[in-house]
Amino acid sequence: MYAVFYVCSDKKVGPLAALLCFLCWVGASFLAEGLGFSKSWKLVLAAQLFCWTGQFIGHGIFEKRAIALSDNFAQALLMGPYFALLELLQSAFGYEPYPGCHANVRLLGNKFV
């Protein structure tokens, strides 16, 4: 579902996001097979707790605002990873889905700080 949404969202970056989803699925499958169910779910739970704690601390301390999870749960889980990928591509290669996208995101972000 993530992959289909990402491909429909952007014809250039969507396939890359879909590929990353696929690679995560393959990696998780190998992890689950190698560790077994009892160890792998504990590792995944620990990683989730660590990462979500980092999200709350990072947004609270550095951005001084709540994470998007508090606004729209589904949008935060679906668009959060995609937004992070777009930010990475913008900083590394200057990619923008449309001209002025990065400037608009920065301007919008400053209104909420």
PDB file of N, CA and C in Angstrom:
ATOM      1  N   MET A   1       0.825  -1.182   0.000  1.00  0.00           N
ATOM      2  CA  MET A   1       0.000   0.000   0.000  1.00  0.00           C
ATOM      3  C   MET A   1       0.878   1.258   0.000  1.00  0.00           C
ATOM      4  N   TYR A   2       1.927   1.238   0.822  1.00  0.00           N
ATOM      5  CA  TYR A   2       2.848   2.377   0.837  1.00  0.00           C
ATOM      6  C   TYR A   2       3.439   2.596  -0.549  1.00  0.00           C
ATOM      7  N   ALA A   3       3.932   1.529  -1.160  1.00  0.00           N
ATOM      8  CA  ALA A   3       4.596   1.629  -2.454  1.00  0.00           C
ATOM      9  C   ALA A   3       3.671   2.196  -3.525  1.00  0.00           C
ATOM     10  N   VAL A   4       2.439   1.726  -3.562  1.00  0.00           N
ATOM     11  CA  VAL A   4       1.474   2.217  -4.552  1.00  0.00           C
ATOM     12  C   VAL A   4       1.199   3.706  -4.330  1.00  0.00           C
ATOM     13  N   PHE A   5       1.020   4.094  -3.079  1.00  0.00           N
ATOM     14  CA  PHE A   5       0.767   5.511  -2.775  1.00  0.00           C
ATOM     15  C   PHE A   5       1.942   6.375  -3.207  1.00  0.00           C
ATOM     16  N   TYR A   6       3.164   5.928  -2.907  1.00  0.00           N
ATOM     17  CA  TYR A   6       4.341   6.717  -3.254  1.00  0.00           C
ATOM     18  C   TYR A   6       4.521   6.836  -4.763  1.00  0.00           C
ATOM     19  N   VAL A   7       4.289   5.766  -5.489  1.00  0.00           N
ATOM     20  CA  VAL A   7       4.411   5.818  -6.952  1.00  0.00           C
ATOM     21  C   VAL A   7       3.368   6.760  -7.538  1.00  0.00           C
ATOM     22  N   CYS A   8       2.171   6.739  -6.995  1.00  0.00           N
ATOM     23  CA  CYS A   8       1.119   7.645  -7.478  1.00  0.00           C
ATOM     24  C   CYS A   8       1.393   9.097  -7.098  1.00  0.00           C
ATOM     25  N   SER A   9       2.120   9.325  -6.014  1.00  0.00           N
ATOM     26  CA  SER A   9       2.398  10.685  -5.546  1.00  0.00           C
ATOM     27  C   SER A   9       3.414  11.410  -6.414  1.00  0.00           C
ATOM     28  N   ASP A  10       4.422  10.689  -6.869  1.00  0.00           N
ATOM     29  CA  ASP A  10       5.491  11.321  -7.639  1.00  0.00           C
ATOM     30  C   ASP A  10       6.085  10.284  -8.576  1.00  0.00           C
ATOM     31  N   LYS A  11       6.019  10.549  -9.863  1.00  0.00           N
ATOM     32  CA  LYS A  11       6.477   9.573 -10.858  1.00  0.00           C
ATOM     33  C   LYS A  11       7.997   9.398 -10.854  1.00  0.00           C
ATOM     34  N   LYS A  12       8.742  10.373 -10.325  1.00  0.00           N
ATOM     35  CA  LYS A  12      10.196  10.265 -10.301  1.00  0.00           C
ATOM     36  C   LYS A  12      10.696   9.603  -9.021  1.00  0.00           C
ATOM     37  N   VAL A  13      10.257  10.079  -7.875  1.00  0.00           N
ATOM     38  CA  VAL A  13      10.754   9.581  -6.595  1.00  0.00           C
ATOM     39  C   VAL A  13       9.903   8.426  -6.078  1.00  0.00           C
ATOM     40  N   GLY A  14       8.677   8.326  -6.504  1.00  0.00           N
ATOM     41  CA  GLY A  14       7.798   7.257  -6.052  1.00  0.00           C
ATOM     42  C   GLY A  14       8.369   5.864  -6.261  1.00  0.00           C
ATOM     43  N   PRO A  15       8.906   5.568  -7.444  1.00  0.00           N
ATOM     44  CA  PRO A  15       9.509   4.243  -7.630  1.00  0.00           C
ATOM     45  C   PRO A  15      10.700   3.984  -6.697  1.00  0.00           C
ATOM     46  N   LEU A  16      11.478   5.013  -6.404  1.00  0.00           N
ATOM     47  CA  LEU A  16      12.580   4.857  -5.456  1.00  0.00           C
ATOM     48  C   LEU A  16      12.036   4.535  -4.062  1.00  0.00           C
ATOM     49  N   ALA A  17      10.997   5.244  -3.650  1.00  0.00           N
ATOM     50  CA  ALA A  17      10.372   4.985  -2.349  1.00  0.00           C
ATOM     51  C   ALA A  17       9.783   3.575  -2.313  1.00  0.00           C
ATOM     52  N   ALA A  18       9.171   3.155  -3.408  1.00  0.00           N
ATOM     53  CA  ALA A  18       8.617   1.801  -3.478  1.00  0.00           C
ATOM     54  C   ALA A  18       9.727   0.760  -3.375  1.00  0.00           C
ATOM     55  N   LEU A  19      10.845   1.009  -4.034  1.00  0.00           N
ATOM     56  CA  LEU A  19      11.987   0.097  -3.953  1.00  0.00           C
ATOM     57  C   LEU A  19      12.505   0.012  -2.519  1.00  0.00           C
ATOM     58  N   LEU A  20      12.579   1.138  -1.845  1.00  0.00           N
ATOM     59  CA  LEU A  20      13.027   1.139  -0.457  1.00  0.00           C
ATOM     60  C   LEU A  20      12.052   0.370   0.437  1.00  0.00           C
ATOM     61  N   CYS A  21      10.758   0.494   0.179  1.00  0.00           N
ATOM     62  CA  CYS A  21       9.758  -0.292   0.922  1.00  0.00           C
ATOM     63  C   CYS A  21       9.992  -1.782   0.698  1.00  0.00           C
ATOM     64  N   PHE A  22      10.227  -2.160  -0.544  1.00  0.00           N
ATOM     65  CA  PHE A  22      10.468  -3.559  -0.873  1.00  0.00           C
ATOM     66  C   PHE A  22      11.729  -4.073  -0.175  1.00  0.00           C
ATOM     67  N   LEU A  23      12.797  -3.277  -0.202  1.00  0.00           N
ATOM     68  CA  LEU A  23      14.039  -3.696   0.441  1.00  0.00           C
ATOM     69  C   LEU A  23      13.873  -3.828   1.953  1.00  0.00           C
ATOM     70  N   CYS A  24      13.087  -2.954   2.549  1.00  0.00           N
ATOM     71  CA  CYS A  24      12.804  -3.074   3.982  1.00  0.00           C
ATOM     72  C   CYS A  24      12.028  -4.356   4.275  1.00  0.00           C
ATOM     73  N   TRP A  25      11.086  -4.675   3.422  1.00  0.00           N
ATOM     74  CA  TRP A  25      10.309  -5.909   3.595  1.00  0.00           C
ATOM     75  C   TRP A  25      11.208  -7.138   3.476  1.00  0.00           C
ATOM     76  N   VAL A  26      12.082  -7.139   2.474  1.00  0.00           N
ATOM     77  CA  VAL A  26      13.004  -8.264   2.289  1.00  0.00           C
ATOM     78  C   VAL A  26      13.945  -8.368   3.486  1.00  0.00           C
ATOM     79  N   GLY A  27      14.478  -7.247   3.929  1.00  0.00           N
ATOM     80  CA  GLY A  27      15.371  -7.251   5.081  1.00  0.00           C
ATOM     81  C   GLY A  27      14.684  -7.750   6.345  1.00  0.00           C
ATOM     82  N   ALA A  28      13.452  -7.313   6.552  1.00  0.00           N
ATOM     83  CA  ALA A  28      12.692  -7.763   7.714  1.00  0.00           C
ATOM     84  C   ALA A  28      12.408  -9.255   7.642  1.00  0.00           C
ATOM     85  N   SER A  29      12.155  -9.749   6.434  1.00  0.00           N
ATOM     86  CA  SER A  29      11.912 -11.184   6.265  1.00  0.00           C
ATOM     87  C   SER A  29      13.153 -11.998   6.608  1.00  0.00           C
ATOM     88  N   PHE A  30      14.309 -11.546   6.137  1.00  0.00           N
ATOM     89  CA  PHE A  30      15.554 -12.230   6.474  1.00  0.00           C
ATOM     90  C   PHE A  30      15.840 -12.170   7.968  1.00  0.00           C
ATOM     91  N   LEU A  31      15.587 -11.014   8.561  1.00  0.00           N
ATOM     92  CA  LEU A  31      15.798 -10.853  10.001  1.00  0.00           C
ATOM     93  C   LEU A  31      14.910 -11.809  10.790  1.00  0.00           C
ATOM     94  N   ALA A  32      13.628 -11.860  10.432  1.00  0.00           N
ATOM     95  CA  ALA A  32      12.687 -12.733  11.126  1.00  0.00           C
ATOM     96  C   ALA A  32      13.070 -14.200  10.948  1.00  0.00           C
ATOM     97  N   GLU A  33      13.510 -14.546   9.755  1.00  0.00           N
ATOM     98  CA  GLU A  33      13.897 -15.936   9.495  1.00  0.00           C
ATOM     99  C   GLU A  33      15.175 -16.305  10.252  1.00  0.00           C
ATOM    100  N   GLY A  34      16.114 -15.375  10.296  1.00  0.00           N
ATOM    101  CA  GLY A  34      17.395 -15.650  10.945  1.00  0.00           C
ATOM    102  C   GLY A  34      17.312 -15.675  12.463  1.00  0.00           C
ATOM    103  N   LEU A  35      16.559 -14.752  13.037  1.00  0.00           N
ATOM    104  CA  LEU A  35      16.472 -14.671  14.493  1.00  0.00           C
ATOM    105  C   LEU A  35      15.373 -15.531  15.083  1.00  0.00           C
ATOM    106  N   GLY A  36      14.374 -15.812  14.305  1.00  0.00           N
ATOM    107  CA  GLY A  36      13.204 -16.501  14.840  1.00  0.00           C
ATOM    108  C   GLY A  36      12.204 -15.476  15.352  1.00  0.00           C
ATOM    109  N   PHE A  37      10.979 -15.924  15.504  1.00  0.00           N
ATOM    110  CA  PHE A  37       9.901 -15.011  15.868  1.00  0.00           C
ATOM    111  C   PHE A  37      10.111 -14.372  17.238  1.00  0.00           C
ATOM    112  N   SER A  38      10.479 -15.145  18.234  1.00  0.00           N
ATOM    113  CA  SER A  38      10.558 -14.626  19.601  1.00  0.00           C
ATOM    114  C   SER A  38      11.616 -13.539  19.751  1.00  0.00           C
ATOM    115  N   LYS A  39      12.742 -13.673  19.064  1.00  0.00           N
ATOM    116  CA  LYS A  39      13.788 -12.651  19.157  1.00  0.00           C
ATOM    117  C   LYS A  39      13.512 -11.471  18.229  1.00  0.00           C
ATOM    118  N   SER A  40      12.987 -11.739  17.042  1.00  0.00           N
ATOM    119  CA  SER A  40      12.815 -10.661  16.071  1.00  0.00           C
ATOM    120  C   SER A  40      11.751  -9.664  16.511  1.00  0.00           C
ATOM    121  N   TRP A  41      10.644 -10.113  17.097  1.00  0.00           N
ATOM    122  CA  TRP A  41       9.634  -9.140  17.504  1.00  0.00           C
ATOM    123  C   TRP A  41      10.144  -8.292  18.659  1.00  0.00           C
ATOM    124  N   LYS A  42      11.011  -8.854  19.517  1.00  0.00           N
ATOM    125  CA  LYS A  42      11.591  -8.067  20.612  1.00  0.00           C
ATOM    126  C   LYS A  42      12.543  -7.010  20.075  1.00  0.00           C
ATOM    127  N   LEU A  43      13.323  -7.385  19.066  1.00  0.00           N
ATOM    128  CA  LEU A  43      14.231  -6.428  18.439  1.00  0.00           C
ATOM    129  C   LEU A  43      13.450  -5.306  17.754  1.00  0.00           C
ATOM    130  N   VAL A  44      12.401  -5.663  17.046  1.00  0.00           N
ATOM    131  CA  VAL A  44      11.577  -4.662  16.363  1.00  0.00           C
ATOM    132  C   VAL A  44      10.903  -3.740  17.374  1.00  0.00           C
ATOM    133  N   LEU A  45      10.394  -4.303  18.465  1.00  0.00           N
ATOM    134  CA  LEU A  45       9.761  -3.487  19.507  1.00  0.00           C
ATOM    135  C   LEU A  45      10.769  -2.516  20.112  1.00  0.00           C
ATOM    136  N   ALA A  46      11.974  -2.988  20.403  1.00  0.00           N
ATOM    137  CA  ALA A  46      13.009  -2.117  20.963  1.00  0.00           C
ATOM    138  C   ALA A  46      13.369  -0.999  19.978  1.00  0.00           C
ATOM    139  N   ALA A  47      13.496  -1.340  18.697  1.00  0.00           N
ATOM    140  CA  ALA A  47      13.815  -0.324  17.680  1.00  0.00           C
ATOM    141  C   ALA A  47      12.698   0.705  17.568  1.00  0.00           C
ATOM    142  N   GLN A  48      11.448   0.250  17.587  1.00  0.00           N
ATOM    143  CA  GLN A  48      10.307   1.175  17.522  1.00  0.00           C
ATOM    144  C   GLN A  48      10.301   2.117  18.718  1.00  0.00           C
ATOM    145  N   LEU A  49      10.484   1.574  19.913  1.00  0.00           N
ATOM    146  CA  LEU A  49      10.496   2.406  21.120  1.00  0.00           C
ATOM    147  C   LEU A  49      11.626   3.422  21.075  1.00  0.00           C
ATOM    148  N   PHE A  50      12.800   2.986  20.651  1.00  0.00           N
ATOM    149  CA  PHE A  50      13.947   3.892  20.539  1.00  0.00           C
ATOM    150  C   PHE A  50      13.672   5.012  19.534  1.00  0.00           C
ATOM    151  N   CYS A  51      13.176   4.649  18.359  1.00  0.00           N
ATOM    152  CA  CYS A  51      12.945   5.640  17.299  1.00  0.00           C
ATOM    153  C   CYS A  51      11.805   6.596  17.639  1.00  0.00           C
ATOM    154  N   TRP A  52      10.707   6.084  18.188  1.00  0.00           N
ATOM    155  CA  TRP A  52       9.601   6.969  18.561  1.00  0.00           C
ATOM    156  C   TRP A  52      10.009   7.909  19.685  1.00  0.00           C
ATOM    157  N   THR A  53      10.798   7.417  20.632  1.00  0.00           N
ATOM    158  CA  THR A  53      11.302   8.290  21.695  1.00  0.00           C
ATOM    159  C   THR A  53      12.166   9.392  21.095  1.00  0.00           C
ATOM    160  N   GLY A  54      13.013   9.021  20.152  1.00  0.00           N
ATOM    161  CA  GLY A  54      13.825  10.021  19.459  1.00  0.00           C
ATOM    162  C   GLY A  54      12.986  11.049  18.726  1.00  0.00           C
ATOM    163  N   GLN A  55      11.884  10.609  18.120  1.00  0.00           N
ATOM    164  CA  GLN A  55      10.981  11.534  17.432  1.00  0.00           C
ATOM    165  C   GLN A  55      10.401  12.564  18.406  1.00  0.00           C
ATOM    166  N   PHE A  56       9.891  12.069  19.522  1.00  0.00           N
ATOM    167  CA  PHE A  56       9.273  12.975  20.492  1.00  0.00           C
ATOM    168  C   PHE A  56      10.302  13.925  21.095  1.00  0.00           C
ATOM    169  N   ILE A  57      11.467  13.416  21.440  1.00  0.00           N
ATOM    170  CA  ILE A  57      12.510  14.269  22.014  1.00  0.00           C
ATOM    171  C   ILE A  57      13.008  15.273  20.976  1.00  0.00           C
ATOM    172  N   GLY A  58      13.290  14.801  19.774  1.00  0.00           N
ATOM    173  CA  GLY A  58      13.790  15.699  18.730  1.00  0.00           C
ATOM    174  C   GLY A  58      12.824  16.819  18.394  1.00  0.00           C
ATOM    175  N   HIS A  59      11.569  16.471  18.242  1.00  0.00           N
ATOM    176  CA  HIS A  59      10.584  17.508  17.917  1.00  0.00           C
ATOM    177  C   HIS A  59      10.359  18.433  19.101  1.00  0.00           C
ATOM    178  N   GLY A  60      10.339  17.889  20.299  1.00  0.00           N
ATOM    179  CA  GLY A  60      10.091  18.719  21.479  1.00  0.00           C
ATOM    180  C   GLY A  60      11.234  19.653  21.795  1.00  0.00           C
ATOM    181  N   ILE A  61      12.471  19.173  21.691  1.00  0.00           N
ATOM    182  CA  ILE A  61      13.636  19.982  22.060  1.00  0.00           C
ATOM    183  C   ILE A  61      14.088  20.888  20.920  1.00  0.00           C
ATOM    184  N   PHE A  62      14.235  20.328  19.733  1.00  0.00           N
ATOM    185  CA  PHE A  62      14.825  21.094  18.634  1.00  0.00           C
ATOM    186  C   PHE A  62      13.806  21.900  17.835  1.00  0.00           C
ATOM    187  N   GLU A  63      12.630  21.360  17.619  1.00  0.00           N
ATOM    188  CA  GLU A  63      11.621  22.091  16.848  1.00  0.00           C
ATOM    189  C   GLU A  63      10.636  22.830  17.745  1.00  0.00           C
ATOM    190  N   LYS A  64      10.569  22.410  18.979  1.00  0.00           N
ATOM    191  CA  LYS A  64       9.669  23.023  19.971  1.00  0.00           C
ATOM    192  C   LYS A  64       8.208  22.987  19.521  1.00  0.00           C
ATOM    193  N   ARG A  65       7.825  21.838  18.945  1.00  0.00           N
ATOM    194  CA  ARG A  65       6.435  21.631  18.563  1.00  0.00           C
ATOM    195  C   ARG A  65       6.145  20.133  18.512  1.00  0.00           C
ATOM    196  N   ALA A  66       4.892  19.808  18.538  1.00  0.00           N
ATOM    197  CA  ALA A  66       4.487  18.401  18.537  1.00  0.00           C
ATOM    198  C   ALA A  66       4.753  17.778  17.175  1.00  0.00           C
ATOM    199  N   ILE A  67       4.968  16.458  17.171  1.00  0.00           N
ATOM    200  CA  ILE A  67       5.163  15.773  15.905  1.00  0.00           C
ATOM    201  C   ILE A  67       3.828  15.678  15.172  1.00  0.00           C
ATOM    202  N   ALA A  68       3.880  15.425  13.885  1.00  0.00           N
ATOM    203  CA  ALA A  68       2.665  15.369  13.062  1.00  0.00           C
ATOM    204  C   ALA A  68       1.724  14.259  13.508  1.00  0.00           C
ATOM    205  N   LEU A  69       2.245  13.311  14.255  1.00  0.00           N
ATOM    206  CA  LEU A  69       1.429  12.210  14.763  1.00  0.00           C
ATOM    207  C   LEU A  69       0.236  12.729  15.549  1.00  0.00           C
ATOM    208  N   SER A  70       0.430  13.840  16.241  1.00  0.00           N
ATOM    209  CA  SER A  70      -0.663  14.393  17.044  1.00  0.00           C
ATOM    210  C   SER A  70      -1.729  15.072  16.189  1.00  0.00           C
ATOM    211  N   ASP A  71      -1.377  15.464  14.966  1.00  0.00           N
ATOM    212  CA  ASP A  71      -2.343  16.112  14.074  1.00  0.00           C
ATOM    213  C   ASP A  71      -3.166  15.095  13.289  1.00  0.00           C
ATOM    214  N   ASN A  72      -2.479  14.169  12.649  1.00  0.00           N
ATOM    215  CA  ASN A  72      -3.137  13.188  11.795  1.00  0.00           C
ATOM    216  C   ASN A  72      -2.303  11.915  11.794  1.00  0.00           C
ATOM    217  N   PHE A  73      -2.758  10.911  12.523  1.00  0.00           N
ATOM    218  CA  PHE A  73      -1.997   9.677  12.717  1.00  0.00           C
ATOM    219  C   PHE A  73      -1.667   8.996  11.390  1.00  0.00           C
ATOM    220  N   ALA A  74      -2.665   8.808  10.537  1.00  0.00           N
ATOM    221  CA  ALA A  74      -2.449   8.120   9.261  1.00  0.00           C
ATOM    222  C   ALA A  74      -1.494   8.898   8.365  1.00  0.00           C
ATOM    223  N   GLN A  75      -1.669  10.197   8.298  1.00  0.00           N
ATOM    224  CA  GLN A  75      -0.798  11.015   7.469  1.00  0.00           C
ATOM    225  C   GLN A  75       0.640  10.980   7.989  1.00  0.00           C
ATOM    226  N   ALA A  76       0.805  10.979   9.297  1.00  0.00           N
ATOM    227  CA  ALA A  76       2.151  10.945   9.866  1.00  0.00           C
ATOM    228  C   ALA A  76       2.864   9.643   9.514  1.00  0.00           C
ATOM    229  N   LEU A  77       2.162   8.535   9.574  1.00  0.00           N
ATOM    230  CA  LEU A  77       2.788   7.243   9.267  1.00  0.00           C
ATOM    231  C   LEU A  77       3.021   7.056   7.773  1.00  0.00           C
ATOM    232  N   LEU A  78       2.176   7.620   6.950  1.00  0.00           N
ATOM    233  CA  LEU A  78       2.296   7.460   5.508  1.00  0.00           C
ATOM    234  C   LEU A  78       3.238   8.498   4.891  1.00  0.00           C
ATOM    235  N   MET A  79       3.069   9.742   5.272  1.00  0.00           N
ATOM    236  CA  MET A  79       3.840  10.810   4.649  1.00  0.00           C
ATOM    237  C   MET A  79       5.161  11.102   5.335  1.00  0.00           C
ATOM    238  N   GLY A  80       5.302  10.725   6.601  1.00  0.00           N
ATOM    239  CA  GLY A  80       6.548  10.980   7.325  1.00  0.00           C
ATOM    240  C   GLY A  80       7.767  10.391   6.635  1.00  0.00           C
ATOM    241  N   PRO A  81       7.748   9.094   6.340  1.00  0.00           N
ATOM    242  CA  PRO A  81       8.906   8.513   5.650  1.00  0.00           C
ATOM    243  C   PRO A  81       9.143   9.116   4.258  1.00  0.00           C
ATOM    244  N   TYR A  82       8.071   9.409   3.555  1.00  0.00           N
ATOM    245  CA  TYR A  82       8.188   9.991   2.211  1.00  0.00           C
ATOM    246  C   TYR A  82       8.773  11.402   2.287  1.00  0.00           C
ATOM    247  N   PHE A  83       8.315  12.165   3.274  1.00  0.00           N
ATOM    248  CA  PHE A  83       8.835  13.517   3.467  1.00  0.00           C
ATOM    249  C   PHE A  83      10.328  13.463   3.799  1.00  0.00           C
ATOM    250  N   ALA A  84      10.723  12.509   4.639  1.00  0.00           N
ATOM    251  CA  ALA A  84      12.142  12.364   4.983  1.00  0.00           C
ATOM    252  C   ALA A  84      12.963  12.025   3.741  1.00  0.00           C
ATOM    253  N   LEU A  85      12.452  11.170   2.882  1.00  0.00           N
ATOM    254  CA  LEU A  85      13.146  10.834   1.632  1.00  0.00           C
ATOM    255  C   LEU A  85      13.267  12.070   0.738  1.00  0.00           C
ATOM    256  N   LEU A  86      12.194  12.830   0.613  1.00  0.00           N
ATOM    257  CA  LEU A  86      12.242  14.048  -0.206  1.00  0.00           C
ATOM    258  C   LEU A  86      13.234  15.056   0.365  1.00  0.00           C
ATOM    259  N   GLU A  87      13.288  15.184   1.683  1.00  0.00           N
ATOM    260  CA  GLU A  87      14.255  16.090   2.316  1.00  0.00           C
ATOM    261  C   GLU A  87      15.686  15.634   2.028  1.00  0.00           C
ATOM    262  N   LEU A  88      15.923  14.336   2.103  1.00  0.00           N
ATOM    263  CA  LEU A  88      17.248  13.783   1.825  1.00  0.00           C
ATOM    264  C   LEU A  88      17.642  14.058   0.369  1.00  0.00           C
ATOM    265  N   LEU A  89      16.729  13.803  -0.547  1.00  0.00           N
ATOM    266  CA  LEU A  89      17.013  14.034  -1.967  1.00  0.00           C
ATOM    267  C   LEU A  89      17.200  15.517  -2.270  1.00  0.00           C
ATOM    268  N   GLN A  90      16.476  16.369  -1.570  1.00  0.00           N
ATOM    269  CA  GLN A  90      16.618  17.804  -1.789  1.00  0.00           C
ATOM    270  C   GLN A  90      17.981  18.277  -1.291  1.00  0.00           C
ATOM    271  N   SER A  91      18.385  17.824  -0.102  1.00  0.00           N
ATOM    272  CA  SER A  91      19.666  18.279   0.429  1.00  0.00           C
ATOM    273  C   SER A  91      20.848  17.682  -0.333  1.00  0.00           C
ATOM    274  N   ALA A  92      20.726  16.448  -0.815  1.00  0.00           N
ATOM    275  CA  ALA A  92      21.835  15.807  -1.517  1.00  0.00           C
ATOM    276  C   ALA A  92      21.927  16.205  -2.990  1.00  0.00           C
ATOM    277  N   PHE A  93      20.776  16.334  -3.647  1.00  0.00           N
ATOM    278  CA  PHE A  93      20.775  16.554  -5.101  1.00  0.00           C
ATOM    279  C   PHE A  93      19.998  17.781  -5.553  1.00  0.00           C
ATOM    280  N   GLY A  94      19.350  18.481  -4.620  1.00  0.00           N
ATOM    281  CA  GLY A  94      18.554  19.642  -4.993  1.00  0.00           C
ATOM    282  C   GLY A  94      17.222  19.288  -5.632  1.00  0.00           C
ATOM    283  N   TYR A  95      16.775  18.037  -5.444  1.00  0.00           N
ATOM    284  CA  TYR A  95      15.519  17.599  -6.068  1.00  0.00           C
ATOM    285  C   TYR A  95      14.316  18.273  -5.427  1.00  0.00           C
ATOM    286  N   GLU A  96      13.390  18.709  -6.271  1.00  0.00           N
ATOM    287  CA  GLU A  96      12.105  19.239  -5.810  1.00  0.00           C
ATOM    288  C   GLU A  96      11.015  18.649  -6.698  1.00  0.00           C
ATOM    289  N   PRO A  97       9.908  18.150  -6.098  1.00  0.00           N
ATOM    290  CA  PRO A  97       8.811  17.592  -6.899  1.00  0.00           C
ATOM    291  C   PRO A  97       8.236  18.606  -7.880  1.00  0.00           C
ATOM    292  N   TYR A  98       8.271  19.874  -7.492  1.00  0.00           N
ATOM    293  CA  TYR A  98       7.857  20.966  -8.370  1.00  0.00           C
ATOM    294  C   TYR A  98       8.657  22.198  -7.973  1.00  0.00           C
ATOM    295  N   PRO A  99       8.843  23.155  -8.861  1.00  0.00           N
ATOM    296  CA  PRO A  99       9.654  24.332  -8.554  1.00  0.00           C
ATOM    297  C   PRO A  99       9.106  25.090  -7.346  1.00  0.00           C
ATOM    298  N   GLY A 100       9.983  25.391  -6.403  1.00  0.00           N
ATOM    299  CA  GLY A 100       9.598  26.148  -5.219  1.00  0.00           C
ATOM    300  C   GLY A 100       9.049  25.306  -4.083  1.00  0.00           C
ATOM    301  N   CYS A 101       9.028  23.989  -4.231  1.00  0.00           N
ATOM    302  CA  CYS A 101       8.470  23.111  -3.203  1.00  0.00           C
ATOM    303  C   CYS A 101       9.214  23.267  -1.883  1.00  0.00           C
ATOM    304  N   HIS A 102      10.534  23.209  -1.924  1.00  0.00           N
ATOM    305  CA  HIS A 102      11.327  23.291  -0.702  1.00  0.00           C
ATOM    306  C   HIS A 102      11.114  24.627   0.006  1.00  0.00           C
ATOM    307  N   ALA A 103      11.083  25.698  -0.751  1.00  0.00           N
ATOM    308  CA  ALA A 103      10.860  27.019  -0.153  1.00  0.00           C
ATOM    309  C   ALA A 103       9.473  27.098   0.492  1.00  0.00           C
ATOM    310  N   ASN A 104       8.467  26.508  -0.165  1.00  0.00           N
ATOM    311  CA  ASN A 104       7.116  26.503   0.404  1.00  0.00           C
ATOM    312  C   ASN A 104       7.055  25.697   1.693  1.00  0.00           C
ATOM    313  N   VAL A 105       7.743  24.571   1.739  1.00  0.00           N
ATOM    314  CA  VAL A 105       7.758  23.741   2.958  1.00  0.00           C
ATOM    315  C   VAL A 105       8.433  24.501   4.080  1.00  0.00           C
ATOM    316  N   ARG A 106       9.549  25.155   3.802  1.00  0.00           N
ATOM    317  CA  ARG A 106      10.255  25.943   4.818  1.00  0.00           C
ATOM    318  C   ARG A 106       9.383  27.094   5.301  1.00  0.00           C
ATOM    319  N   LEU A 107       8.720  27.780   4.386  1.00  0.00           N
ATOM    320  CA  LEU A 107       7.861  28.899   4.759  1.00  0.00           C
ATOM    321  C   LEU A 107       6.702  28.411   5.628  1.00  0.00           C
ATOM    322  N   LEU A 108       6.086  27.337   5.254  1.00  0.00           N
ATOM    323  CA  LEU A 108       4.982  26.767   6.026  1.00  0.00           C
ATOM    324  C   LEU A 108       5.473  26.327   7.389  1.00  0.00           C
ATOM    325  N   GLY A 109       6.636  25.702   7.460  1.00  0.00           N
ATOM    326  CA  GLY A 109       7.193  25.253   8.728  1.00  0.00           C
ATOM    327  C   GLY A 109       7.464  26.394   9.677  1.00  0.00           C
ATOM    328  N   ASN A 110       7.920  27.534   9.151  1.00  0.00           N
ATOM    329  CA  ASN A 110       8.210  28.692   9.993  1.00  0.00           C
ATOM    330  C   ASN A 110       6.954  29.316  10.572  1.00  0.00           C
ATOM    331  N   LYS A 111       5.809  29.138   9.938  1.00  0.00           N
ATOM    332  CA  LYS A 111       4.563  29.689  10.453  1.00  0.00           C
ATOM    333  C   LYS A 111       4.116  28.983  11.722  1.00  0.00           C
ATOM    334  N   PHE A 112       4.512  27.714  11.887  1.00  0.00           N
ATOM    335  CA  PHE A 112       4.065  26.939  13.021  1.00  0.00           C
ATOM    336  C   PHE A 112       5.044  26.929  14.178  1.00  0.00           C
ATOM    337  N   VAL A 113       6.231  27.510  13.997  1.00  0.00           N
ATOM    338  CA  VAL A 113       7.240  27.509  15.068  1.00  0.00           C
ATOM    339  C   VAL A 113       6.919  28.579  16.075  1.00  0.00           C
TER     340      VAL A 113
END
